[in-house]
Amino acid sequence: MQNIRQNSGPGFDRRMTKEEINQVPVRKWQGAIQVVSTPEAVDDVLGHLGREKVLGFDTETRPAFKKGQKYLPTLLQLATAECVYVFQLQFTGLGSGLCAVLSDPVTIKAGVSLKYDLKELQQLAGFSPAGFTGLGRLAKTRGIKNQGLRGLAAVVLGIRITKSAQTSNWARDRLTEAQIRYAATDAWIGRELYLRLLQLPSVG
């Protein structure tokens, strides 16, 4: 990964534009990914998650193209230092083990749009979220004008994440390699951004 950008220039003195972001090189998570699709497999990975101090967090939901259609989250992605776990919630459910991870105040879960994602996940199971850090709010304390995931990746990490699979069908029984890599990348970026933002000085 590249060094942190200096706290000046696009993103700090002004918002980095879409055109500027599109000139930044694309990067994807190239490490291990485990797609978890049974409750038994969830139990097998809970120990790995429990040993982590920081997890990248994201969800994916099947897009709705008709008025009145609405779907609950289909995927939950949690990124560790070594592996990104992609949980297919329509098969695993949001059981007590995952709820415990999401309710653990000690383990940091870093991502964007947390309020919405957590509200949607709480429709699958009742849990009390704890340990979550919103990257947009953290970036604001560092004087960064871009606060979405794509903009933050460009400003802080000097990389661009593609959104090409964003509106694909996340409820497929068998996800494509492109879908898996996209989902894993968003969670990985969340963890990476959290760690990098902590290294930047606060402003104001």
Protein backbone atom coordinates (compact mmCIF):
# COMPACT_ATOMS: atom_id res chain seq x y z
CA MET A 1 0.00 0.00 0.00
CA GLN A 2 1.18 3.50 -0.75
CA ASN A 3 2.16 6.01 1.92
CA ILE A 4 -0.46 8.34 3.34
CA ARG A 5 -0.97 11.44 1.26
CA GLN A 6 0.16 14.68 2.85
CA ASN A 7 -2.62 16.73 4.40
CA SER A 8 -2.71 19.30 1.62
CA GLY A 9 -4.08 19.41 -1.91
CA PRO A 10 -7.28 17.77 -3.27
CA GLY A 11 -9.34 16.25 -0.49
CA PHE A 12 -7.88 18.53 2.17
CA ASP A 13 -8.08 22.08 0.84
CA ARG A 14 -11.17 21.13 -1.23
CA ARG A 15 -13.13 18.05 -2.24
CA MET A 16 -11.37 15.81 -4.73
CA THR A 17 -13.55 15.79 -7.85
CA LYS A 18 -14.96 12.73 -9.57
CA GLU A 19 -12.67 13.38 -12.51
CA GLU A 20 -9.62 13.49 -10.24
CA ILE A 21 -10.67 10.30 -8.49
CA ASN A 22 -11.05 8.56 -11.86
CA GLN A 23 -7.40 9.28 -12.63
CA VAL A 24 -6.21 7.38 -9.55
CA PRO A 25 -5.10 3.76 -10.16
CA VAL A 26 -7.60 0.99 -9.36
CA ARG A 27 -6.79 -1.46 -6.57
CA LYS A 28 -8.64 -4.52 -5.32
CA TRP A 29 -8.12 -6.74 -2.32
CA GLN A 30 -5.72 -9.44 -3.46
CA GLY A 31 -5.57 -11.47 -0.25
CA ALA A 32 -7.59 -14.41 1.05
CA ILE A 33 -11.38 -14.35 0.87
CA GLN A 34 -13.68 -16.86 2.54
CA VAL A 35 -17.31 -16.99 1.46
CA VAL A 36 -19.31 -18.25 4.44
CA SER A 37 -22.61 -19.85 3.47
CA THR A 38 -23.67 -22.15 6.34
CA PRO A 39 -24.27 -21.61 10.07
CA GLU A 40 -21.61 -24.24 10.78
CA ALA A 41 -19.06 -22.30 8.74
CA VAL A 42 -19.90 -19.16 10.74
CA ASP A 43 -18.99 -20.98 13.95
CA ASP A 44 -15.68 -22.01 12.39
CA VAL A 45 -14.58 -18.40 11.72
CA LEU A 46 -15.84 -16.68 14.88
CA GLY A 47 -12.57 -17.44 16.66
CA HIS A 48 -10.59 -15.68 13.93
CA LEU A 49 -12.81 -12.60 14.19
CA GLY A 50 -12.60 -12.56 17.96
CA ARG A 51 -8.81 -12.22 17.88
CA GLU A 52 -8.90 -9.05 15.78
CA LYS A 53 -8.74 -5.54 17.24
CA VAL A 54 -9.97 -3.86 14.03
CA LEU A 55 -12.39 -5.19 11.43
CA GLY A 56 -13.38 -3.58 8.15
CA PHE A 57 -17.19 -3.62 7.88
CA ASP A 58 -19.60 -3.45 4.96
CA THR A 59 -22.86 -4.94 3.69
CA GLU A 60 -24.41 -5.55 0.30
CA THR A 61 -28.12 -5.61 -0.51
CA ARG A 62 -29.90 -6.88 -3.58
CA PRO A 63 -30.88 -3.79 -5.59
CA ALA A 64 -34.56 -2.97 -6.04
CA PHE A 65 -35.57 -1.70 -9.47
CA LYS A 66 -39.36 -1.50 -8.99
CA LYS A 67 -41.27 1.03 -6.94
CA GLY A 68 -42.11 -0.36 -3.53
CA GLN A 69 -39.53 -3.13 -3.69
CA LYS A 70 -37.14 -3.39 -0.77
CA TYR A 71 -34.67 -6.04 0.28
CA LEU A 72 -32.78 -6.64 3.49
CA PRO A 73 -28.97 -7.04 3.51
CA THR A 74 -27.79 -10.11 1.63
CA LEU A 75 -24.09 -10.01 2.48
CA LEU A 76 -22.09 -9.02 5.54
CA GLN A 77 -18.37 -8.48 4.99
CA LEU A 78 -15.83 -8.38 7.81
CA ALA A 79 -12.15 -7.83 6.98
CA THR A 80 -9.26 -8.92 9.17
CA ALA A 81 -5.58 -8.26 8.52
CA GLU A 82 -5.24 -11.53 6.62
CA CYS A 83 -8.65 -12.47 5.24
CA VAL A 84 -12.01 -10.99 4.29
CA TYR A 85 -15.03 -13.03 5.34
CA VAL A 86 -18.13 -12.68 3.16
CA PHE A 87 -21.24 -13.99 4.91
CA GLN A 88 -24.20 -14.95 2.70
CA LEU A 89 -26.90 -13.97 5.15
CA GLN A 90 -29.75 -15.69 3.31
CA PHE A 91 -28.03 -18.98 4.14
CA THR A 92 -26.25 -18.26 7.42
CA GLY A 93 -28.75 -15.94 9.06
CA LEU A 94 -27.56 -13.34 11.55
CA GLY A 95 -27.10 -15.67 14.49
CA SER A 96 -25.92 -15.08 18.02
CA GLY A 97 -22.25 -15.47 17.12
CA LEU A 98 -22.26 -12.73 14.50
CA CYS A 99 -24.48 -10.57 16.70
CA ALA A 100 -21.88 -10.90 19.45
CA VAL A 101 -19.18 -9.62 17.08
CA LEU A 102 -21.37 -6.69 16.06
CA SER A 103 -22.14 -5.92 19.73
CA ASP A 104 -18.56 -6.19 21.00
CA PRO A 105 -17.39 -2.74 22.19
CA VAL A 106 -13.74 -3.83 22.25
CA THR A 107 -13.40 -4.82 18.59
CA ILE A 108 -13.49 -1.79 16.28
CA LYS A 109 -15.69 -2.16 13.19
CA ALA A 110 -14.88 0.55 10.64
CA GLY A 111 -17.00 1.53 7.66
CA VAL A 112 -19.22 4.16 6.05
CA SER A 113 -23.01 4.66 6.10
CA LEU A 114 -23.04 2.75 9.37
CA LYS A 115 -26.36 4.05 10.68
CA TYR A 116 -28.27 2.78 7.65
CA ASP A 117 -26.44 -0.56 7.40
CA LEU A 118 -26.90 -1.32 11.08
CA LYS A 119 -30.57 -0.39 11.01
CA GLU A 120 -31.09 -2.80 8.13
CA LEU A 121 -29.14 -5.59 9.82
CA GLN A 122 -31.23 -5.13 12.98
CA GLN A 123 -34.26 -6.17 10.94
CA LEU A 124 -32.63 -9.58 10.58
CA ALA A 125 -31.81 -9.99 14.28
CA GLY A 126 -31.94 -7.96 17.42
CA PHE A 127 -28.54 -6.76 18.61
CA SER A 128 -27.08 -3.64 20.17
CA PRO A 129 -24.29 -2.29 17.92
CA ALA A 130 -21.06 -1.37 19.70
CA GLY A 131 -17.50 -0.67 18.66
CA PHE A 132 -18.40 0.95 15.34
CA THR A 133 -16.41 3.86 13.92
CA GLY A 134 -17.74 5.93 11.03
CA LEU A 135 -14.94 6.70 8.60
CA GLY A 136 -16.64 9.87 7.33
CA ARG A 137 -16.77 11.37 10.79
CA LEU A 138 -13.18 10.33 11.51
CA ALA A 139 -12.02 11.82 8.20
CA LYS A 140 -13.77 15.11 9.03
CA THR A 141 -11.72 15.44 12.21
CA ARG A 142 -8.61 15.15 10.00
CA GLY A 143 -9.78 17.98 7.73
CA ILE A 144 -10.67 15.73 4.79
CA LYS A 145 -13.46 17.04 2.60
CA ASN A 146 -14.31 13.74 0.83
CA GLN A 147 -16.09 11.44 3.26
CA GLY A 148 -17.49 8.61 1.13
CA LEU A 149 -15.60 5.34 0.75
CA ARG A 150 -14.49 5.95 -2.84
CA GLY A 151 -13.35 9.51 -2.18
CA LEU A 152 -11.55 8.57 1.02
CA ALA A 153 -9.70 5.74 -0.71
CA ALA A 154 -8.45 8.20 -3.33
CA VAL A 155 -7.52 10.97 -0.87
CA VAL A 156 -5.96 8.91 1.91
CA LEU A 157 -4.64 5.81 0.14
CA GLY A 158 -4.09 7.08 -3.38
CA ILE A 159 -6.16 4.26 -4.89
CA ARG A 160 -9.51 3.96 -6.63
CA ILE A 161 -12.12 1.30 -5.96
CA THR A 162 -14.40 0.29 -8.81
CA LYS A 163 -18.18 0.31 -8.31
CA SER A 164 -18.90 -1.86 -11.35
CA ALA A 165 -20.59 -4.66 -9.37
CA GLN A 166 -22.58 -2.39 -7.06
CA THR A 167 -25.99 -3.06 -8.62
CA SER A 168 -25.50 -6.76 -9.32
CA ASN A 169 -27.71 -9.46 -7.79
CA TRP A 170 -26.19 -10.10 -4.38
CA ALA A 171 -28.83 -12.73 -3.62
CA ARG A 172 -27.40 -15.23 -6.11
CA ASP A 173 -26.82 -18.66 -4.63
CA ARG A 174 -23.37 -18.68 -6.18
CA LEU A 175 -21.62 -15.31 -6.32
CA THR A 176 -19.35 -14.50 -9.24
CA GLU A 177 -15.64 -13.95 -8.72
CA ALA A 178 -16.17 -10.27 -9.59
CA GLN A 179 -18.88 -9.94 -6.93
CA ILE A 180 -16.76 -11.65 -4.28
CA ARG A 181 -13.72 -9.49 -5.02
CA TYR A 182 -15.83 -6.29 -5.03
CA ALA A 183 -17.48 -7.11 -1.70
CA ALA A 184 -14.16 -8.03 -0.10
CA THR A 185 -12.48 -4.88 -1.37
CA ASP A 186 -15.00 -2.56 0.25
CA ALA A 187 -14.50 -4.19 3.66
CA TRP A 188 -10.70 -4.24 3.28
CA ILE A 189 -10.68 -0.55 2.36
CA GLY A 190 -12.70 0.23 5.49
CA ARG A 191 -10.10 -1.38 7.73
CA GLU A 192 -7.17 0.14 5.85
CA LEU A 193 -8.67 3.63 5.97
CA TYR A 194 -9.30 3.43 9.71
CA LEU A 195 -5.68 2.51 10.42
CA ARG A 196 -4.34 5.21 8.10
CA LEU A 197 -6.65 7.94 9.37
CA LEU A 198 -5.47 7.34 12.91
CA GLN A 199 -1.98 8.30 11.75
CA LEU A 200 -3.14 11.73 10.51
CA PRO A 201 -3.28 14.63 12.97
CA SER A 202 -6.63 16.03 14.06
CA VAL A 203 -7.51 19.57 13.03
CA GLY A 204 -9.36 22.34 14.84
